[in-house]
């Protein structure tokens, strides 16, 4: 009788140990799955941010676009040089941008939007003229808003929306400085949940 009781108790201990092991394995599997399949919005936002970063670094250091030798014309507070050119596809047709003789003309506030549309693959309509609609949707599925509004000091707070919803407040703010530096603010009244994008910027391991 006592032997049977001991045997039953040992079996219970084995069961508990097995359950504990299964729990640990499941936790490790979930972590692995999360690394393989990170949040889609996070991936789109970070890819968009780094694409913008690359374009900005390219144009601010391009001597055909911004004067590299004078303080007055070496940043986004100035209109691009007369040698600057850009082109983009708007609903299947090419649109050119330059000082004279093109479809569109560079202005200081809108130049960054034109350069982004020139170097980032877009889908459908491109609008660098006003705030009535988004600027454009990229080929990876993110929507850009407000990139035509660089202020007279050369700074800008514009939006990248990885959900591409009709409401730009569902996106996240990217701040551009006149010398081409960029950041993602921790807070912003322009959007609903800026803190999420700020957290994504602190932990980019899932998209590397």
N, C-alpha and C. Protein backbone atom coordinates (compact mmCIF):
# COMPACT_ATOMS: atom_id res chain seq x y z
N UNK A 1 0.83 -1.21 0.00
CA UNK A 1 0.00 0.00 0.00
C UNK A 1 0.86 1.25 0.00
N UNK A 2 1.85 1.25 0.89
CA UNK A 2 2.75 2.40 0.95
C UNK A 2 3.55 2.56 -0.33
N UNK A 3 3.90 1.42 -0.93
CA UNK A 3 4.65 1.48 -2.19
C UNK A 3 3.83 2.15 -3.27
N UNK A 4 2.53 1.86 -3.31
CA UNK A 4 1.66 2.47 -4.32
C UNK A 4 1.56 3.97 -4.13
N UNK A 5 1.49 4.41 -2.89
CA UNK A 5 1.40 5.84 -2.60
C UNK A 5 2.66 6.56 -3.05
N UNK A 6 3.80 5.95 -2.75
CA UNK A 6 5.07 6.55 -3.17
C UNK A 6 5.18 6.63 -4.67
N UNK A 7 4.71 5.59 -5.34
CA UNK A 7 4.78 5.58 -6.79
C UNK A 7 3.92 6.69 -7.40
N UNK A 8 2.71 6.89 -6.84
CA UNK A 8 1.82 7.93 -7.32
C UNK A 8 2.43 9.31 -7.10
N UNK A 9 3.05 9.53 -5.95
CA UNK A 9 3.66 10.82 -5.66
C UNK A 9 4.81 11.11 -6.61
N UNK A 10 5.57 10.11 -6.94
CA UNK A 10 6.69 10.28 -7.87
C UNK A 10 6.18 10.65 -9.26
N UNK A 11 5.08 10.03 -9.67
CA UNK A 11 4.48 10.33 -10.96
C UNK A 11 4.00 11.78 -11.03
N UNK A 12 3.43 12.29 -9.96
CA UNK A 12 3.00 13.68 -9.91
C UNK A 12 4.19 14.63 -10.04
N UNK A 13 5.28 14.29 -9.38
CA UNK A 13 6.48 15.12 -9.48
C UNK A 13 7.00 15.15 -10.92
N UNK A 14 6.98 14.00 -11.55
CA UNK A 14 7.40 13.92 -12.95
C UNK A 14 6.52 14.78 -13.84
N UNK A 15 5.23 14.74 -13.59
CA UNK A 15 4.27 15.53 -14.39
C UNK A 15 4.55 17.02 -14.25
N UNK A 16 4.76 17.46 -13.00
CA UNK A 16 5.03 18.87 -12.76
C UNK A 16 6.34 19.31 -13.44
N UNK A 17 7.34 18.43 -13.36
CA UNK A 17 8.61 18.75 -14.00
C UNK A 17 8.46 18.84 -15.52
N UNK A 18 7.68 17.93 -16.09
CA UNK A 18 7.44 17.95 -17.53
C UNK A 18 6.73 19.23 -17.95
N UNK A 19 5.72 19.62 -17.18
CA UNK A 19 4.98 20.85 -17.49
C UNK A 19 5.90 22.08 -17.42
N UNK A 20 6.79 22.08 -16.45
CA UNK A 20 7.73 23.19 -16.31
C UNK A 20 8.64 23.27 -17.52
N UNK A 21 9.11 22.11 -17.97
CA UNK A 21 10.00 22.07 -19.14
C UNK A 21 9.25 22.55 -20.39
N UNK A 22 8.00 22.11 -20.54
CA UNK A 22 7.19 22.53 -21.69
C UNK A 22 7.00 24.05 -21.67
N UNK A 23 6.77 24.60 -20.48
CA UNK A 23 6.59 26.04 -20.34
C UNK A 23 7.82 26.81 -20.79
N UNK A 24 8.99 26.34 -20.39
CA UNK A 24 10.24 26.99 -20.78
C UNK A 24 10.43 26.90 -22.30
N UNK A 25 10.18 25.72 -22.88
CA UNK A 25 10.33 25.54 -24.32
C UNK A 25 9.39 26.46 -25.09
N UNK A 26 8.13 26.56 -24.63
CA UNK A 26 7.16 27.42 -25.30
C UNK A 26 7.58 28.88 -25.24
N UNK A 27 8.11 29.30 -24.10
CA UNK A 27 8.57 30.69 -23.96
C UNK A 27 9.70 30.98 -24.94
N UNK A 28 10.63 30.03 -25.07
CA UNK A 28 11.75 30.21 -26.00
C UNK A 28 11.26 30.23 -27.44
N UNK A 29 10.26 29.40 -27.76
CA UNK A 29 9.71 29.37 -29.11
C UNK A 29 9.02 30.68 -29.46
N UNK A 30 8.27 31.23 -28.51
CA UNK A 30 7.58 32.50 -28.75
C UNK A 30 8.57 33.63 -29.00
N UNK A 31 9.66 33.63 -28.24
CA UNK A 31 10.69 34.64 -28.45
C UNK A 31 11.30 34.50 -29.84
N UNK A 32 11.54 33.27 -30.25
CA UNK A 32 12.12 33.03 -31.58
C UNK A 32 11.16 33.46 -32.68
N UNK A 33 9.87 33.17 -32.50
CA UNK A 33 8.86 33.56 -33.49
C UNK A 33 8.80 35.07 -33.61
N UNK A 34 8.84 35.76 -32.47
CA UNK A 34 8.79 37.22 -32.48
C UNK A 34 9.99 37.83 -33.19
N UNK A 35 11.13 37.17 -33.08
CA UNK A 35 12.32 37.67 -33.76
C UNK A 35 12.23 37.46 -35.26
N UNK A 36 11.64 36.33 -35.65
CA UNK A 36 11.50 36.02 -37.07
C UNK A 36 10.39 36.86 -37.70
N UNK A 37 9.29 37.08 -36.95
CA UNK A 37 8.15 37.83 -37.46
C UNK A 37 7.89 39.07 -36.61
N UNK A 38 8.74 40.08 -36.72
CA UNK A 38 8.54 41.29 -35.93
C UNK A 38 7.31 42.05 -36.39
N UNK A 39 6.88 43.00 -35.59
CA UNK A 39 5.71 43.80 -35.89
C UNK A 39 5.85 44.46 -37.27
N UNK A 40 4.84 44.26 -38.13
CA UNK A 40 4.91 44.78 -39.50
C UNK A 40 5.04 46.29 -39.52
N UNK A 41 4.29 46.98 -38.67
CA UNK A 41 4.35 48.44 -38.65
C UNK A 41 5.72 48.94 -38.24
N UNK A 42 6.33 48.24 -37.29
CA UNK A 42 7.67 48.61 -36.85
C UNK A 42 8.66 48.46 -38.00
N UNK A 43 8.57 47.35 -38.71
CA UNK A 43 9.49 47.11 -39.83
C UNK A 43 9.33 48.18 -40.90
N UNK A 44 8.08 48.48 -41.27
CA UNK A 44 7.85 49.49 -42.31
C UNK A 44 8.32 50.87 -41.88
N UNK A 45 8.07 51.22 -40.63
CA UNK A 45 8.50 52.53 -40.16
C UNK A 45 10.02 52.65 -40.17
N UNK A 46 10.70 51.65 -39.62
CA UNK A 46 12.15 51.72 -39.54
C UNK A 46 12.81 51.68 -40.93
N UNK A 47 12.26 50.87 -41.82
CA UNK A 47 12.80 50.84 -43.19
C UNK A 47 12.60 52.19 -43.87
N UNK A 48 11.44 52.79 -43.64
CA UNK A 48 11.17 54.11 -44.22
C UNK A 48 12.10 55.16 -43.64
N UNK A 49 12.29 55.11 -42.33
CA UNK A 49 13.16 56.08 -41.67
C UNK A 49 14.58 56.01 -42.25
N UNK A 50 15.09 54.81 -42.39
CA UNK A 50 16.47 54.66 -42.89
C UNK A 50 16.56 55.00 -44.38
N UNK A 51 15.49 54.80 -45.13
CA UNK A 51 15.48 55.22 -46.53
C UNK A 51 15.54 56.74 -46.63
N UNK A 52 14.75 57.41 -45.79
CA UNK A 52 14.78 58.88 -45.75
C UNK A 52 16.16 59.36 -45.35
N UNK A 53 16.72 58.74 -44.35
CA UNK A 53 18.05 59.11 -43.85
C UNK A 53 19.09 59.05 -44.96
N UNK A 54 19.02 58.00 -45.77
CA UNK A 54 19.95 57.83 -46.88
C UNK A 54 19.78 58.93 -47.93
N UNK A 55 18.53 59.22 -48.28
CA UNK A 55 18.26 60.26 -49.28
C UNK A 55 18.72 61.62 -48.78
N UNK A 56 18.40 61.93 -47.53
CA UNK A 56 18.77 63.24 -46.97
C UNK A 56 20.29 63.42 -46.96
N UNK A 57 21.00 62.38 -46.54
CA UNK A 57 22.47 62.46 -46.52
C UNK A 57 23.02 62.66 -47.92
N UNK A 58 22.37 62.03 -48.90
CA UNK A 58 22.84 62.16 -50.28
C UNK A 58 22.62 63.57 -50.82
N UNK A 59 21.44 64.12 -50.61
CA UNK A 59 21.15 65.42 -51.23
C UNK A 59 21.84 66.59 -50.51
N UNK A 60 21.96 66.51 -49.19
CA UNK A 60 22.58 67.63 -48.46
C UNK A 60 24.07 67.74 -48.77
N UNK A 61 24.65 66.62 -49.22
CA UNK A 61 26.08 66.60 -49.55
C UNK A 61 26.35 66.62 -51.05
N UNK A 62 25.30 66.86 -51.84
CA UNK A 62 25.44 66.90 -53.29
C UNK A 62 25.68 68.34 -53.72
N UNK A 63 26.83 68.59 -54.30
CA UNK A 63 27.20 69.97 -54.67
C UNK A 63 26.36 70.51 -55.83
N UNK A 64 25.62 69.65 -56.53
CA UNK A 64 24.72 70.15 -57.57
C UNK A 64 23.37 70.59 -57.00
N UNK A 65 23.14 70.22 -55.74
CA UNK A 65 21.85 70.54 -55.12
C UNK A 65 21.97 71.65 -54.07
N UNK A 66 23.00 71.56 -53.23
CA UNK A 66 23.21 72.57 -52.19
C UNK A 66 24.68 72.97 -52.16
N UNK A 67 24.93 74.25 -52.06
CA UNK A 67 26.28 74.79 -52.07
C UNK A 67 27.07 74.26 -50.87
N UNK A 68 28.16 73.59 -51.15
CA UNK A 68 28.96 72.99 -50.08
C UNK A 68 30.00 73.95 -49.50
N UNK A 69 30.07 75.16 -50.03
CA UNK A 69 31.17 76.04 -49.67
C UNK A 69 30.73 77.34 -48.98
N UNK A 70 29.44 77.59 -48.88
CA UNK A 70 28.97 78.78 -48.18
C UNK A 70 27.93 78.40 -47.15
N UNK A 71 27.99 79.01 -45.99
CA UNK A 71 27.06 78.70 -44.92
C UNK A 71 25.61 79.01 -45.30
N UNK A 72 25.39 80.02 -46.14
CA UNK A 72 24.03 80.45 -46.45
C UNK A 72 23.26 79.43 -47.28
N UNK A 73 23.95 78.66 -48.10
CA UNK A 73 23.26 77.78 -49.04
C UNK A 73 23.59 76.30 -48.83
N UNK A 74 24.10 75.95 -47.69
CA UNK A 74 24.55 74.58 -47.47
C UNK A 74 23.56 73.75 -46.69
N UNK A 75 22.34 74.25 -46.48
CA UNK A 75 21.36 73.50 -45.70
C UNK A 75 19.95 73.74 -46.22
N UNK A 76 18.97 73.12 -45.57
CA UNK A 76 17.60 73.15 -46.07
C UNK A 76 16.87 74.46 -45.82
N UNK A 77 17.53 75.44 -45.21
CA UNK A 77 16.92 76.76 -45.10
C UNK A 77 17.04 77.53 -46.41
N UNK A 78 17.82 76.99 -47.34
CA UNK A 78 18.00 77.62 -48.66
C UNK A 78 17.29 76.81 -49.74
N UNK A 79 16.93 77.48 -50.81
CA UNK A 79 16.39 76.80 -51.98
C UNK A 79 17.54 76.05 -52.67
N UNK A 80 17.27 74.90 -53.28
CA UNK A 80 18.34 74.20 -54.00
C UNK A 80 18.97 75.07 -55.08
N UNK A 81 20.20 74.74 -55.43
CA UNK A 81 20.92 75.48 -56.48
C UNK A 81 20.22 75.32 -57.83
N UNK A 82 20.54 76.19 -58.73
CA UNK A 82 19.93 76.15 -60.07
C UNK A 82 20.30 74.88 -60.84
N UNK A 83 21.36 74.20 -60.40
CA UNK A 83 21.79 72.96 -61.07
C UNK A 83 21.04 71.73 -60.56
N UNK A 84 20.23 71.90 -59.53
CA UNK A 84 19.52 70.76 -58.93
C UNK A 84 18.42 70.25 -59.86
N UNK A 85 18.28 68.96 -59.92
CA UNK A 85 17.23 68.33 -60.73
C UNK A 85 16.64 67.13 -60.00
N UNK A 86 15.38 66.86 -60.27
CA UNK A 86 14.72 65.68 -59.72
C UNK A 86 13.62 65.26 -60.68
N UNK A 87 13.20 64.03 -60.56
CA UNK A 87 12.06 63.56 -61.34
C UNK A 87 11.39 62.42 -60.56
N UNK A 88 10.10 62.26 -60.78
CA UNK A 88 9.37 61.19 -60.10
C UNK A 88 8.21 60.75 -60.99
N UNK A 89 7.63 59.62 -60.64
CA UNK A 89 6.52 59.07 -61.40
C UNK A 89 5.22 59.37 -60.68
N UNK A 90 4.34 60.11 -61.35
CA UNK A 90 3.04 60.45 -60.79
C UNK A 90 1.93 59.77 -61.61
N UNK A 91 1.33 58.74 -61.03
CA UNK A 91 0.27 57.98 -61.71
C UNK A 91 0.69 57.53 -63.11
N UNK A 92 1.92 57.04 -63.20
CA UNK A 92 2.41 56.47 -64.46
C UNK A 92 3.12 57.42 -65.38
N UNK A 93 3.14 58.71 -65.06
CA UNK A 93 3.81 59.69 -65.92
C UNK A 93 4.97 60.35 -65.20
N UNK A 94 6.05 60.60 -65.92
CA UNK A 94 7.21 61.24 -65.30
C UNK A 94 6.97 62.73 -65.14
N UNK A 95 7.35 63.24 -63.97
CA UNK A 95 7.28 64.67 -63.67
C UNK A 95 8.70 65.14 -63.36
N UNK A 96 9.14 66.19 -64.01
CA UNK A 96 10.49 66.71 -63.79
C UNK A 96 10.44 67.97 -62.92
N UNK A 97 11.52 68.15 -62.15
CA UNK A 97 11.62 69.31 -61.26
C UNK A 97 13.00 69.94 -61.44
N UNK A 98 13.04 71.25 -61.67
CA UNK A 98 14.31 71.96 -61.79
C UNK A 98 14.06 73.46 -61.65
N UNK A 99 15.08 74.25 -61.90
CA UNK A 99 14.95 75.71 -61.77
C UNK A 99 14.09 76.29 -62.90
N UNK A 100 14.36 75.85 -64.13
CA UNK A 100 13.62 76.38 -65.28
C UNK A 100 13.41 75.28 -66.32
N UNK A 101 12.27 75.32 -66.99
CA UNK A 101 12.02 74.42 -68.11
C UNK A 101 11.51 73.05 -67.74
N UNK A 102 11.10 72.84 -66.51
CA UNK A 102 10.59 71.53 -66.07
C UNK A 102 9.10 71.62 -65.72
N UNK A 103 8.51 70.49 -65.39
CA UNK A 103 7.10 70.46 -65.02
C UNK A 103 6.84 71.20 -63.71
N UNK A 104 7.77 71.05 -62.79
CA UNK A 104 7.66 71.69 -61.47
C UNK A 104 8.93 72.49 -61.20
N UNK A 105 8.80 73.48 -60.31
CA UNK A 105 9.94 74.31 -59.98
C UNK A 105 10.28 74.15 -58.50
N UNK A 106 11.56 74.06 -58.21
CA UNK A 106 11.99 73.93 -56.82
C UNK A 106 11.64 75.18 -56.01
N UNK A 107 11.17 74.96 -54.80
CA UNK A 107 11.05 76.02 -53.80
C UNK A 107 11.71 75.52 -52.53
N UNK A 108 12.08 76.41 -51.66
CA UNK A 108 12.74 75.99 -50.41
C UNK A 108 11.88 75.04 -49.58
N UNK A 109 10.58 75.31 -49.36
CA UNK A 109 9.79 74.40 -48.52
C UNK A 109 9.55 73.02 -49.13
N UNK A 110 9.41 72.96 -50.47
CA UNK A 110 8.99 71.72 -51.11
C UNK A 110 10.14 70.84 -51.60
N UNK A 111 11.34 71.35 -51.58
CA UNK A 111 12.47 70.65 -52.19
C UNK A 111 12.68 69.25 -51.61
N UNK A 112 12.62 69.11 -50.31
CA UNK A 112 12.85 67.81 -49.69
C UNK A 112 11.84 66.78 -50.18
N UNK A 113 10.59 67.17 -50.30
CA UNK A 113 9.55 66.26 -50.79
C UNK A 113 9.87 65.80 -52.20
N UNK A 114 10.28 66.72 -53.06
CA UNK A 114 10.63 66.36 -54.44
C UNK A 114 11.81 65.40 -54.48
N UNK A 115 12.82 65.66 -53.66
CA UNK A 115 13.99 64.78 -53.66
C UNK A 115 13.65 63.38 -53.14
N UNK A 116 12.77 63.31 -52.14
CA UNK A 116 12.35 62.00 -51.63
C UNK A 116 11.58 61.23 -52.70
N UNK A 117 10.66 61.91 -53.39
CA UNK A 117 9.89 61.26 -54.46
C UNK A 117 10.79 60.82 -55.61
N UNK A 118 11.88 61.55 -55.80
CA UNK A 118 12.84 61.22 -56.85
C UNK A 118 13.60 59.93 -56.54
N UNK A 119 13.95 59.72 -55.29
CA UNK A 119 14.84 58.61 -54.95
C UNK A 119 14.17 57.42 -54.26
N UNK A 120 12.92 57.59 -53.84
CA UNK A 120 12.20 56.48 -53.21
C UNK A 120 11.11 56.01 -54.18
N UNK A 121 10.99 54.71 -54.35
CA UNK A 121 9.97 54.17 -55.25
C UNK A 121 8.57 54.44 -54.69
N UNK A 122 7.74 55.07 -55.51
CA UNK A 122 6.39 55.43 -55.07
C UNK A 122 5.33 54.70 -55.90
N UNK A 123 4.11 54.69 -55.36
CA UNK A 123 2.98 54.06 -56.05
C UNK A 123 1.86 55.09 -56.18
N UNK A 124 1.31 55.24 -57.38
CA UNK A 124 0.16 56.12 -57.57
C UNK A 124 0.52 57.59 -57.63
N UNK A 125 -0.27 58.39 -56.93
CA UNK A 125 -0.13 59.85 -57.01
C UNK A 125 0.96 60.37 -56.10
N UNK A 126 1.67 61.39 -56.57
CA UNK A 126 2.66 62.11 -55.77
C UNK A 126 2.17 63.55 -55.62
N UNK A 127 2.06 64.01 -54.38
CA UNK A 127 1.59 65.36 -54.10
C UNK A 127 2.58 66.07 -53.18
N UNK A 128 3.39 66.93 -53.74
CA UNK A 128 4.32 67.73 -52.94
C UNK A 128 3.88 69.20 -52.89
N UNK A 129 2.61 69.43 -53.17
CA UNK A 129 2.11 70.80 -53.28
C UNK A 129 1.36 71.30 -52.05
N UNK A 130 0.63 70.41 -51.36
CA UNK A 130 -0.22 70.88 -50.26
C UNK A 130 -0.52 69.76 -49.27
N UNK A 131 -1.33 70.06 -48.26
CA UNK A 131 -1.65 69.11 -47.19
C UNK A 131 -2.99 68.41 -47.40
N UNK A 132 -3.62 68.59 -48.54
CA UNK A 132 -4.95 68.02 -48.72
C UNK A 132 -4.93 66.50 -48.77
N UNK A 133 -3.85 65.94 -49.26
CA UNK A 133 -3.67 64.48 -49.28
C UNK A 133 -2.24 64.16 -48.85
N UNK A 134 -1.95 62.88 -48.73
CA UNK A 134 -0.58 62.47 -48.41
C UNK A 134 0.34 62.86 -49.56
N UNK A 135 1.64 62.90 -49.27
CA UNK A 135 2.62 63.17 -50.33
C UNK A 135 2.69 62.02 -51.32
N UNK A 136 2.85 60.81 -50.78
CA UNK A 136 2.90 59.62 -51.64
C UNK A 136 2.93 58.36 -50.78
N UNK A 137 2.65 57.25 -51.46
CA UNK A 137 2.78 55.92 -50.86
C UNK A 137 4.00 55.25 -51.47
N UNK A 138 4.82 54.64 -50.62
CA UNK A 138 6.03 53.99 -51.12
C UNK A 138 5.74 52.57 -51.56
N UNK A 139 6.66 52.00 -52.30
CA UNK A 139 6.47 50.64 -52.82
C UNK A 139 6.44 49.59 -51.72
N UNK A 140 6.96 49.91 -50.53
CA UNK A 140 6.91 48.95 -49.43
C UNK A 140 5.65 49.12 -48.58
N UNK A 141 4.83 50.14 -48.91
CA UNK A 141 3.52 50.26 -48.27
C UNK A 141 3.37 51.31 -47.20
N UNK A 142 4.34 52.20 -47.02
CA UNK A 142 4.22 53.29 -46.04
C UNK A 142 3.77 54.57 -46.75
N UNK A 143 3.07 55.44 -46.00
CA UNK A 143 2.60 56.70 -46.57
C UNK A 143 3.30 57.88 -45.90
N UNK A 144 3.67 58.85 -46.71
CA UNK A 144 4.37 60.05 -46.24
C UNK A 144 3.42 61.25 -46.26
N UNK A 145 3.46 62.03 -45.19
CA UNK A 145 2.62 63.22 -45.06
C UNK A 145 3.47 64.42 -44.64
N UNK A 146 3.24 65.57 -45.27
CA UNK A 146 3.79 66.83 -44.79
C UNK A 146 5.25 67.09 -45.09
N UNK A 147 5.84 66.37 -46.02
CA UNK A 147 7.27 66.55 -46.31
C UNK A 147 7.53 67.76 -47.21
N UNK A 148 6.48 68.47 -47.59
CA UNK A 148 6.64 69.67 -48.42
C UNK A 148 6.65 70.94 -47.57
N UNK A 149 6.72 70.79 -46.25
CA UNK A 149 6.56 71.95 -45.36
C UNK A 149 7.83 72.31 -44.57
N UNK A 150 8.98 72.24 -45.18
CA UNK A 150 10.21 72.67 -44.50
C UNK A 150 10.09 74.16 -44.19
N UNK A 151 10.33 74.55 -42.93
CA UNK A 151 10.16 75.96 -42.58
C UNK A 151 11.38 76.78 -43.01
N UNK A 152 11.29 78.10 -42.80
CA UNK A 152 12.35 79.00 -43.27
C UNK A 152 13.67 78.80 -42.55
N UNK A 153 13.62 78.12 -41.40
CA UNK A 153 14.85 77.80 -40.67
C UNK A 153 15.48 76.49 -41.16
N UNK A 154 14.79 75.80 -42.06
CA UNK A 154 15.32 74.55 -42.60
C UNK A 154 14.95 73.32 -41.80
N UNK A 155 13.99 73.43 -40.89
CA UNK A 155 13.57 72.29 -40.07
C UNK A 155 12.18 71.82 -40.47
N UNK A 156 11.87 70.60 -40.10
CA UNK A 156 10.60 70.01 -40.52
C UNK A 156 10.20 68.90 -39.56
N UNK A 157 8.91 68.83 -39.26
CA UNK A 157 8.33 67.68 -38.57
C UNK A 157 7.27 67.09 -39.50
N UNK A 158 7.58 65.97 -40.11
CA UNK A 158 6.68 65.32 -41.06
C UNK A 158 6.33 63.93 -40.56
N UNK A 159 5.45 63.26 -41.28
CA UNK A 159 4.88 62.01 -40.78
C UNK A 159 5.14 60.85 -41.74
N UNK A 160 5.46 59.70 -41.16
CA UNK A 160 5.49 58.43 -41.88
C UNK A 160 4.44 57.53 -41.25
N UNK A 161 3.51 57.05 -42.05
CA UNK A 161 2.43 56.19 -41.55
C UNK A 161 2.58 54.79 -42.14
N UNK A 162 3.05 53.83 -41.36
CA UNK A 162 3.22 52.47 -41.88
C UNK A 162 1.91 51.75 -42.12
N UNK A 163 0.81 52.25 -41.53
CA UNK A 163 -0.50 51.63 -41.76
C UNK A 163 -1.17 52.18 -43.02
N UNK A 164 -0.68 53.34 -43.49
CA UNK A 164 -1.22 54.00 -44.68
C UNK A 164 -2.73 54.22 -44.56
N UNK A 165 -3.16 54.65 -43.40
CA UNK A 165 -4.58 54.92 -43.18
C UNK A 165 -4.94 56.29 -43.76
N UNK A 166 -6.22 56.60 -43.76
CA UNK A 166 -6.67 57.90 -44.28
C UNK A 166 -6.37 59.03 -43.30
N UNK A 167 -6.08 58.69 -42.06
CA UNK A 167 -5.82 59.70 -41.03
C UNK A 167 -4.33 59.73 -40.70
N UNK A 168 -3.67 60.84 -41.04
CA UNK A 168 -2.23 60.93 -40.82
C UNK A 168 -1.85 60.88 -39.35
N UNK A 169 -2.81 61.11 -38.46
CA UNK A 169 -2.52 61.06 -37.02
C UNK A 169 -2.23 59.64 -36.55
N UNK A 170 -2.47 58.65 -37.42
CA UNK A 170 -2.12 57.27 -37.09
C UNK A 170 -0.66 56.96 -37.42
N UNK A 171 0.03 57.93 -38.01
CA UNK A 171 1.44 57.76 -38.33
C UNK A 171 2.35 58.23 -37.21
N UNK A 172 3.62 58.47 -37.55
CA UNK A 172 4.63 58.83 -36.55
C UNK A 172 5.51 59.96 -37.11
N UNK A 173 5.88 60.87 -36.24
CA UNK A 173 6.63 62.05 -36.65
C UNK A 173 8.13 61.76 -36.76
N UNK A 174 8.71 62.26 -37.83
CA UNK A 174 10.16 62.27 -38.01
C UNK A 174 10.58 63.74 -38.08
N UNK A 175 11.57 64.12 -37.31
CA UNK A 175 12.03 65.51 -37.31
C UNK A 175 13.32 65.63 -38.10
N UNK A 176 13.33 66.61 -39.01
CA UNK A 176 14.49 66.88 -39.85
C UNK A 176 15.08 68.24 -39.47
N UNK A 177 16.40 68.29 -39.28
CA UNK A 177 17.09 69.54 -38.99
C UNK A 177 17.72 70.08 -40.27
N UNK A 178 18.06 71.35 -40.26
CA UNK A 178 18.50 72.01 -41.49
C UNK A 178 19.80 71.43 -42.06
N UNK A 179 20.63 70.84 -41.19
CA UNK A 179 21.90 70.29 -41.67
C UNK A 179 21.78 68.82 -42.10
N UNK A 180 20.56 68.29 -42.10
CA UNK A 180 20.35 66.92 -42.56
C UNK A 180 20.25 65.89 -41.46
N UNK A 181 20.50 66.29 -40.23
CA UNK A 181 20.34 65.34 -39.11
C UNK A 181 18.86 65.03 -38.92
N UNK A 182 18.58 63.84 -38.41
CA UNK A 182 17.20 63.41 -38.21
C UNK A 182 17.02 62.77 -36.85
N UNK A 183 15.79 62.78 -36.35
CA UNK A 183 15.48 62.11 -35.11
C UNK A 183 14.00 61.76 -35.08
N UNK A 184 13.63 60.90 -34.16
CA UNK A 184 12.22 60.60 -33.90
C UNK A 184 11.90 61.11 -32.50
N UNK A 185 11.10 62.16 -32.36
CA UNK A 185 10.81 62.71 -31.04
C UNK A 185 10.07 61.71 -30.16
N UNK A 186 10.22 61.88 -28.87
CA UNK A 186 9.52 60.99 -27.93
C UNK A 186 8.03 61.31 -27.87
N UNK A 187 7.68 62.58 -28.05
CA UNK A 187 6.28 63.00 -28.01
C UNK A 187 5.98 63.95 -29.18
N UNK A 188 4.71 64.01 -29.57
CA UNK A 188 4.28 64.96 -30.60
C UNK A 188 2.76 65.08 -30.55
N UNK A 189 2.26 66.29 -30.71
CA UNK A 189 0.82 66.52 -30.76
C UNK A 189 0.26 66.28 -32.15
N UNK A 190 1.13 66.04 -33.13
CA UNK A 190 0.70 65.84 -34.51
C UNK A 190 0.08 64.46 -34.73
N UNK A 191 0.41 63.49 -33.86
CA UNK A 191 -0.04 62.12 -34.07
C UNK A 191 -0.58 61.53 -32.77
N UNK A 192 -1.19 60.34 -32.88
CA UNK A 192 -1.87 59.74 -31.72
C UNK A 192 -0.94 59.00 -30.77
N UNK A 193 0.13 58.41 -31.29
CA UNK A 193 0.93 57.51 -30.46
C UNK A 193 2.41 57.60 -30.81
N UNK A 194 2.99 58.78 -30.66
CA UNK A 194 4.39 59.00 -31.02
C UNK A 194 5.34 58.15 -30.19
N UNK A 195 4.95 57.85 -28.95
CA UNK A 195 5.83 57.08 -28.06
C UNK A 195 6.20 55.72 -28.63
N UNK A 196 5.30 55.13 -29.40
CA UNK A 196 5.58 53.82 -29.99
C UNK A 196 6.76 53.88 -30.95
N UNK A 197 6.77 54.89 -31.82
CA UNK A 197 7.89 55.03 -32.77
C UNK A 197 9.19 55.32 -32.04
N UNK A 198 9.11 56.10 -30.98
CA UNK A 198 10.30 56.40 -30.18
C UNK A 198 10.88 55.10 -29.60
N UNK A 199 10.01 54.23 -29.10
CA UNK A 199 10.45 52.93 -28.56
C UNK A 199 11.06 52.07 -29.65
N UNK A 200 10.46 52.08 -30.83
CA UNK A 200 11.01 51.31 -31.95
C UNK A 200 12.44 51.74 -32.27
N UNK A 201 12.69 53.03 -32.21
CA UNK A 201 14.02 53.54 -32.52
C UNK A 201 15.05 53.09 -31.48
N UNK A 202 14.61 52.85 -30.26
CA UNK A 202 15.53 52.42 -29.22
C UNK A 202 15.89 50.95 -29.35
N UNK A 203 15.01 50.17 -29.99
CA UNK A 203 15.25 48.74 -30.14
C UNK A 203 14.98 48.34 -31.59
N UNK A 204 16.02 48.32 -32.39
CA UNK A 204 15.88 48.00 -33.80
C UNK A 204 16.41 46.61 -34.13
N UNK A 205 16.62 45.78 -33.11
CA UNK A 205 17.24 44.47 -33.31
C UNK A 205 16.39 43.56 -34.18
N UNK A 206 15.06 43.71 -34.16
CA UNK A 206 14.20 42.79 -34.90
C UNK A 206 14.21 43.01 -36.40
N UNK A 207 14.76 44.11 -36.85
CA UNK A 207 14.78 44.34 -38.30
C UNK A 207 16.19 44.32 -38.87
N UNK A 208 17.16 43.93 -38.07
CA UNK A 208 18.53 43.86 -38.56
C UNK A 208 18.81 42.48 -39.12
